[in-house]
Amino acid sequence: MLNPHYQQIWQTVQLIPIGKVACYGQIADLAGLPGRARLVGKALGKVPEGGWKNKAVPWFRVINSQGKISFPPGSEYFDKQKQLLQEEQVVIIGTRIKLRDFQWQPDLSEILFSLEF
């Protein structure tokens, strides 16, 4: 059985615009789950198979608070996440993304009118 908060997290991640990234903690806060960054990671690991394949939940736009891809460099998921971000013109230098340039900074009304929980 899935954690009931996963849907909140997935809905929030779906709002991240193309070419932007958000940190795990940022998604937790916006989903109304402050301090639950690890839960965000768990939820993204449980995205239904169709969500991973068709980008319905753009998991690859979520990175750690240091602006890095969390998967080990050279791993299959690291390479996939890096590829998907680069396709959206997100610049990655090594494992790092400049949050100053690419972090999603949503307007509060954008969140309030878009989420259904």
N, C-alpha and C. Protein backbone atom coordinates (compact mmCIF):
# COMPACT_ATOMS: atom_id res chain seq x y z
N MET A 1 0.84 -1.20 0.00
CA MET A 1 0.00 0.00 0.00
C MET A 1 0.88 1.25 0.00
N LEU A 2 0.53 2.19 -0.84
CA LEU A 2 1.32 3.41 -0.95
C LEU A 2 0.98 4.40 0.16
N ASN A 3 1.97 5.16 0.54
CA ASN A 3 1.79 6.23 1.51
C ASN A 3 0.78 7.24 0.95
N PRO A 4 -0.19 7.67 1.75
CA PRO A 4 -1.21 8.60 1.24
C PRO A 4 -0.65 9.96 0.80
N HIS A 5 0.57 10.29 1.23
CA HIS A 5 1.16 11.58 0.85
C HIS A 5 1.82 11.54 -0.53
N TYR A 6 2.02 10.36 -1.09
CA TYR A 6 2.69 10.26 -2.39
C TYR A 6 1.96 11.05 -3.46
N GLN A 7 0.65 10.99 -3.46
CA GLN A 7 -0.13 11.71 -4.47
C GLN A 7 0.12 13.21 -4.38
N GLN A 8 0.19 13.74 -3.17
CA GLN A 8 0.49 15.17 -2.98
C GLN A 8 1.84 15.51 -3.58
N ILE A 9 2.80 14.66 -3.34
CA ILE A 9 4.16 14.89 -3.83
C ILE A 9 4.17 14.83 -5.35
N TRP A 10 3.54 13.81 -5.92
CA TRP A 10 3.52 13.68 -7.38
C TRP A 10 2.83 14.88 -8.03
N GLN A 11 1.74 15.35 -7.45
CA GLN A 11 1.05 16.51 -8.01
C GLN A 11 1.95 17.74 -7.98
N THR A 12 2.69 17.91 -6.92
CA THR A 12 3.59 19.06 -6.79
C THR A 12 4.71 18.97 -7.81
N VAL A 13 5.29 17.80 -7.97
CA VAL A 13 6.37 17.61 -8.94
C VAL A 13 5.88 17.88 -10.36
N GLN A 14 4.64 17.55 -10.65
CA GLN A 14 4.08 17.79 -11.98
C GLN A 14 4.03 19.29 -12.32
N LEU A 15 4.09 20.14 -11.34
CA LEU A 15 4.04 21.59 -11.57
C LEU A 15 5.39 22.20 -11.94
N ILE A 16 6.48 21.48 -11.74
CA ILE A 16 7.80 22.03 -12.05
C ILE A 16 7.87 22.25 -13.57
N PRO A 17 8.12 23.47 -13.99
CA PRO A 17 8.14 23.76 -15.43
C PRO A 17 9.33 23.12 -16.15
N ILE A 18 9.18 22.93 -17.43
CA ILE A 18 10.28 22.46 -18.27
C ILE A 18 11.46 23.41 -18.13
N GLY A 19 12.64 22.85 -17.97
CA GLY A 19 13.85 23.66 -17.86
C GLY A 19 14.15 24.16 -16.47
N LYS A 20 13.37 23.73 -15.49
CA LYS A 20 13.59 24.12 -14.10
C LYS A 20 13.75 22.88 -13.24
N VAL A 21 14.35 23.05 -12.07
CA VAL A 21 14.51 21.96 -11.11
C VAL A 21 14.04 22.44 -9.75
N ALA A 22 13.77 21.48 -8.88
CA ALA A 22 13.39 21.78 -7.49
C ALA A 22 14.12 20.78 -6.60
N CYS A 23 14.34 21.17 -5.37
CA CYS A 23 15.02 20.30 -4.41
C CYS A 23 13.98 19.46 -3.65
N TYR A 24 14.42 18.34 -3.15
CA TYR A 24 13.53 17.44 -2.40
C TYR A 24 12.80 18.19 -1.28
N GLY A 25 13.54 18.97 -0.50
CA GLY A 25 12.93 19.71 0.61
C GLY A 25 11.95 20.76 0.14
N GLN A 26 12.25 21.39 -0.97
CA GLN A 26 11.35 22.39 -1.55
C GLN A 26 10.03 21.74 -1.94
N ILE A 27 10.09 20.57 -2.57
CA ILE A 27 8.87 19.86 -2.96
C ILE A 27 8.09 19.46 -1.71
N ALA A 28 8.78 18.99 -0.69
CA ALA A 28 8.10 18.62 0.56
C ALA A 28 7.35 19.82 1.13
N ASP A 29 8.02 20.96 1.18
CA ASP A 29 7.39 22.18 1.72
C ASP A 29 6.17 22.57 0.89
N LEU A 30 6.32 22.59 -0.43
CA LEU A 30 5.21 23.00 -1.30
C LEU A 30 4.05 22.02 -1.26
N ALA A 31 4.35 20.76 -0.97
CA ALA A 31 3.30 19.74 -0.88
C ALA A 31 2.63 19.73 0.49
N GLY A 32 3.04 20.65 1.36
CA GLY A 32 2.46 20.71 2.71
C GLY A 32 3.04 19.68 3.65
N LEU A 33 4.27 19.25 3.37
CA LEU A 33 4.92 18.22 4.18
C LEU A 33 6.31 18.70 4.61
N PRO A 34 6.38 19.82 5.32
CA PRO A 34 7.70 20.37 5.68
C PRO A 34 8.55 19.36 6.44
N GLY A 35 9.84 19.36 6.11
CA GLY A 35 10.78 18.47 6.78
C GLY A 35 10.74 17.03 6.28
N ARG A 36 10.02 16.78 5.22
CA ARG A 36 9.85 15.41 4.73
C ARG A 36 10.55 15.17 3.38
N ALA A 37 11.73 15.74 3.22
CA ALA A 37 12.48 15.60 1.97
C ALA A 37 12.72 14.13 1.61
N ARG A 38 13.02 13.31 2.60
CA ARG A 38 13.25 11.89 2.31
C ARG A 38 11.99 11.20 1.81
N LEU A 39 10.84 11.64 2.29
CA LEU A 39 9.59 11.08 1.80
C LEU A 39 9.41 11.40 0.32
N VAL A 40 9.86 12.58 -0.09
CA VAL A 40 9.79 12.95 -1.51
C VAL A 40 10.60 11.95 -2.33
N GLY A 41 11.80 11.65 -1.88
CA GLY A 41 12.63 10.69 -2.58
C GLY A 41 11.97 9.32 -2.67
N LYS A 42 11.35 8.89 -1.58
CA LYS A 42 10.65 7.60 -1.58
C LYS A 42 9.47 7.63 -2.54
N ALA A 43 8.73 8.73 -2.54
CA ALA A 43 7.56 8.85 -3.43
C ALA A 43 7.98 8.80 -4.89
N LEU A 44 9.09 9.45 -5.22
CA LEU A 44 9.55 9.45 -6.60
C LEU A 44 10.03 8.06 -7.02
N GLY A 45 10.50 7.30 -6.07
CA GLY A 45 10.88 5.92 -6.35
C GLY A 45 9.69 5.00 -6.56
N LYS A 46 8.50 5.48 -6.19
CA LYS A 46 7.27 4.68 -6.31
C LYS A 46 6.33 5.19 -7.40
N VAL A 47 6.83 6.11 -8.24
CA VAL A 47 5.99 6.60 -9.34
C VAL A 47 5.55 5.40 -10.17
N PRO A 48 4.26 5.29 -10.46
CA PRO A 48 3.81 4.17 -11.29
C PRO A 48 4.59 4.11 -12.60
N GLU A 49 4.82 2.92 -13.09
CA GLU A 49 5.67 2.70 -14.26
C GLU A 49 5.35 3.64 -15.41
N GLY A 50 4.11 3.86 -15.70
CA GLY A 50 3.75 4.77 -16.79
C GLY A 50 4.25 6.18 -16.56
N GLY A 51 4.31 6.59 -15.30
CA GLY A 51 4.79 7.94 -14.98
C GLY A 51 6.26 8.12 -15.31
N TRP A 52 7.05 7.07 -15.14
CA TRP A 52 8.48 7.15 -15.45
C TRP A 52 8.69 7.19 -16.95
N LYS A 53 7.92 6.41 -17.67
CA LYS A 53 8.14 6.29 -19.10
C LYS A 53 7.62 7.50 -19.88
N ASN A 54 6.44 7.98 -19.52
CA ASN A 54 5.86 9.06 -20.30
C ASN A 54 6.05 10.44 -19.67
N LYS A 55 6.85 10.51 -18.66
CA LYS A 55 7.19 11.77 -17.98
C LYS A 55 5.97 12.43 -17.33
N ALA A 56 4.93 11.66 -17.03
CA ALA A 56 3.75 12.22 -16.38
C ALA A 56 4.11 12.86 -15.05
N VAL A 57 5.05 12.25 -14.35
CA VAL A 57 5.61 12.83 -13.12
C VAL A 57 7.09 13.05 -13.41
N PRO A 58 7.50 14.29 -13.68
CA PRO A 58 8.87 14.55 -14.10
C PRO A 58 9.87 14.45 -12.94
N TRP A 59 10.06 13.24 -12.45
CA TRP A 59 10.95 12.93 -11.33
C TRP A 59 12.35 13.50 -11.53
N PHE A 60 12.79 13.56 -12.78
CA PHE A 60 14.15 13.97 -13.09
C PHE A 60 14.40 15.44 -12.81
N ARG A 61 13.35 16.22 -12.58
CA ARG A 61 13.52 17.65 -12.26
C ARG A 61 13.75 17.88 -10.78
N VAL A 62 13.82 16.83 -9.99
CA VAL A 62 14.04 16.96 -8.55
C VAL A 62 15.47 16.54 -8.23
N ILE A 63 16.19 17.45 -7.56
CA ILE A 63 17.60 17.23 -7.24
C ILE A 63 17.82 17.53 -5.75
N ASN A 64 19.03 17.31 -5.27
CA ASN A 64 19.26 17.57 -3.85
C ASN A 64 19.53 19.05 -3.56
N SER A 65 19.60 19.40 -2.31
CA SER A 65 19.70 20.80 -1.90
C SER A 65 21.04 21.43 -2.26
N GLN A 66 22.01 20.62 -2.63
CA GLN A 66 23.32 21.14 -3.05
C GLN A 66 23.34 21.39 -4.56
N GLY A 67 22.21 21.14 -5.22
CA GLY A 67 22.13 21.35 -6.66
C GLY A 67 22.71 20.20 -7.45
N LYS A 68 22.74 19.02 -6.84
CA LYS A 68 23.34 17.87 -7.50
C LYS A 68 22.30 16.77 -7.76
N ILE A 69 22.59 16.00 -8.79
CA ILE A 69 21.83 14.78 -9.03
C ILE A 69 22.21 13.81 -7.92
N SER A 70 21.22 13.20 -7.31
CA SER A 70 21.49 12.36 -6.14
C SER A 70 21.99 10.95 -6.46
N PHE A 71 21.74 10.49 -7.66
CA PHE A 71 22.21 9.15 -8.03
C PHE A 71 23.72 9.15 -8.18
N PRO A 72 24.36 8.02 -7.95
CA PRO A 72 25.82 7.94 -8.12
C PRO A 72 26.23 8.22 -9.57
N PRO A 73 27.22 9.10 -9.76
CA PRO A 73 27.69 9.38 -11.12
C PRO A 73 28.05 8.09 -11.86
N GLY A 74 27.62 8.02 -13.11
CA GLY A 74 27.90 6.85 -13.92
C GLY A 74 26.85 5.76 -13.83
N SER A 75 25.92 5.89 -12.87
CA SER A 75 24.87 4.88 -12.74
C SER A 75 23.82 5.10 -13.84
N GLU A 76 23.02 4.09 -14.08
CA GLU A 76 21.98 4.18 -15.11
C GLU A 76 21.03 5.34 -14.84
N TYR A 77 20.58 5.49 -13.59
CA TYR A 77 19.62 6.56 -13.28
C TYR A 77 20.28 7.94 -13.32
N PHE A 78 21.53 8.04 -12.91
CA PHE A 78 22.25 9.31 -13.03
C PHE A 78 22.28 9.74 -14.49
N ASP A 79 22.71 8.82 -15.36
CA ASP A 79 22.82 9.14 -16.78
C ASP A 79 21.46 9.51 -17.38
N LYS A 80 20.40 8.79 -16.98
CA LYS A 80 19.06 9.08 -17.49
C LYS A 80 18.58 10.45 -17.03
N GLN A 81 18.78 10.76 -15.74
CA GLN A 81 18.35 12.06 -15.22
C GLN A 81 19.13 13.19 -15.90
N LYS A 82 20.42 13.01 -16.04
CA LYS A 82 21.25 14.03 -16.68
C LYS A 82 20.79 14.25 -18.13
N GLN A 83 20.54 13.18 -18.84
CA GLN A 83 20.09 13.27 -20.23
C GLN A 83 18.77 14.03 -20.33
N LEU A 84 17.80 13.66 -19.49
CA LEU A 84 16.48 14.30 -19.53
C LEU A 84 16.57 15.79 -19.20
N LEU A 85 17.39 16.14 -18.22
CA LEU A 85 17.56 17.55 -17.87
C LEU A 85 18.24 18.32 -19.01
N GLN A 86 19.25 17.73 -19.60
CA GLN A 86 19.94 18.40 -20.69
C GLN A 86 19.02 18.59 -21.90
N GLU A 87 18.11 17.66 -22.13
CA GLU A 87 17.13 17.82 -23.21
C GLU A 87 16.24 19.04 -22.97
N GLU A 88 16.12 19.45 -21.71
CA GLU A 88 15.33 20.63 -21.36
C GLU A 88 16.20 21.87 -21.20
N GLN A 89 17.44 21.78 -21.67
CA GLN A 89 18.39 22.90 -21.64
C GLN A 89 18.88 23.26 -20.25
N VAL A 90 18.76 22.35 -19.29
CA VAL A 90 19.33 22.57 -17.95
C VAL A 90 20.82 22.25 -18.05
N VAL A 91 21.65 23.20 -17.65
CA VAL A 91 23.10 23.03 -17.74
C VAL A 91 23.59 22.28 -16.50
N ILE A 92 24.33 21.19 -16.75
CA ILE A 92 24.89 20.38 -15.68
C ILE A 92 26.40 20.37 -15.85
N ILE A 93 27.09 20.81 -14.84
CA ILE A 93 28.55 20.81 -14.85
C ILE A 93 29.00 19.76 -13.86
N GLY A 94 29.49 18.64 -14.38
CA GLY A 94 29.83 17.49 -13.53
C GLY A 94 28.55 16.86 -13.04
N THR A 95 28.27 17.04 -11.77
CA THR A 95 27.01 16.55 -11.19
C THR A 95 26.14 17.70 -10.70
N ARG A 96 26.58 18.93 -10.92
CA ARG A 96 25.94 20.10 -10.31
C ARG A 96 25.16 20.95 -11.30
N ILE A 97 24.05 21.46 -10.79
CA ILE A 97 23.18 22.39 -11.52
C ILE A 97 23.18 23.69 -10.72
N LYS A 98 23.38 24.80 -11.38
CA LYS A 98 23.36 26.09 -10.68
C LYS A 98 21.93 26.42 -10.30
N LEU A 99 21.63 26.29 -9.02
CA LEU A 99 20.28 26.57 -8.55
C LEU A 99 19.89 28.02 -8.82
N ARG A 100 20.85 28.90 -8.76
CA ARG A 100 20.58 30.32 -9.02
C ARG A 100 19.95 30.51 -10.40
N ASP A 101 20.36 29.67 -11.35
CA ASP A 101 19.88 29.81 -12.73
C ASP A 101 18.67 28.94 -13.06
N PHE A 102 18.55 27.78 -12.39
CA PHE A 102 17.56 26.80 -12.83
C PHE A 102 16.53 26.38 -11.78
N GLN A 103 16.66 26.89 -10.55
CA GLN A 103 15.70 26.47 -9.52
C GLN A 103 14.34 27.11 -9.76
N TRP A 104 13.32 26.29 -9.66
CA TRP A 104 11.94 26.73 -9.79
C TRP A 104 11.58 27.60 -8.61
N GLN A 105 11.06 28.78 -8.88
CA GLN A 105 10.61 29.71 -7.84
C GLN A 105 9.14 30.02 -8.11
N PRO A 106 8.25 29.11 -7.69
CA PRO A 106 6.83 29.30 -8.02
C PRO A 106 6.20 30.46 -7.27
N ASP A 107 5.26 31.06 -7.92
CA ASP A 107 4.43 32.08 -7.32
C ASP A 107 3.42 31.35 -6.43
N LEU A 108 3.12 31.87 -5.28
CA LEU A 108 2.20 31.20 -4.35
C LEU A 108 0.86 30.89 -5.02
N SER A 109 0.35 31.81 -5.82
CA SER A 109 -0.95 31.57 -6.48
C SER A 109 -0.85 30.40 -7.46
N GLU A 110 0.32 30.23 -8.07
CA GLU A 110 0.55 29.11 -8.99
C GLU A 110 0.32 27.79 -8.26
N ILE A 111 0.79 27.71 -7.04
CA ILE A 111 0.64 26.49 -6.24
C ILE A 111 -0.80 26.34 -5.74
N LEU A 112 -1.34 27.39 -5.17
CA LEU A 112 -2.66 27.30 -4.57
C LEU A 112 -3.75 26.91 -5.56
N PHE A 113 -3.65 27.39 -6.77
CA PHE A 113 -4.68 27.11 -7.76
C PHE A 113 -4.45 25.84 -8.55
N SER A 114 -3.28 25.23 -8.39
CA SER A 114 -2.95 24.05 -9.18
C SER A 114 -3.06 22.73 -8.42
N LEU A 115 -2.88 22.78 -7.12
CA LEU A 115 -2.89 21.54 -6.34
C LEU A 115 -4.29 21.20 -5.89
N GLU A 116 -4.55 19.90 -5.79
CA GLU A 116 -5.90 19.43 -5.45
C GLU A 116 -6.00 18.77 -4.10
N PHE A 117 -5.04 18.97 -3.23
CA PHE A 117 -5.12 18.31 -1.92
C PHE A 117 -5.37 19.29 -0.83
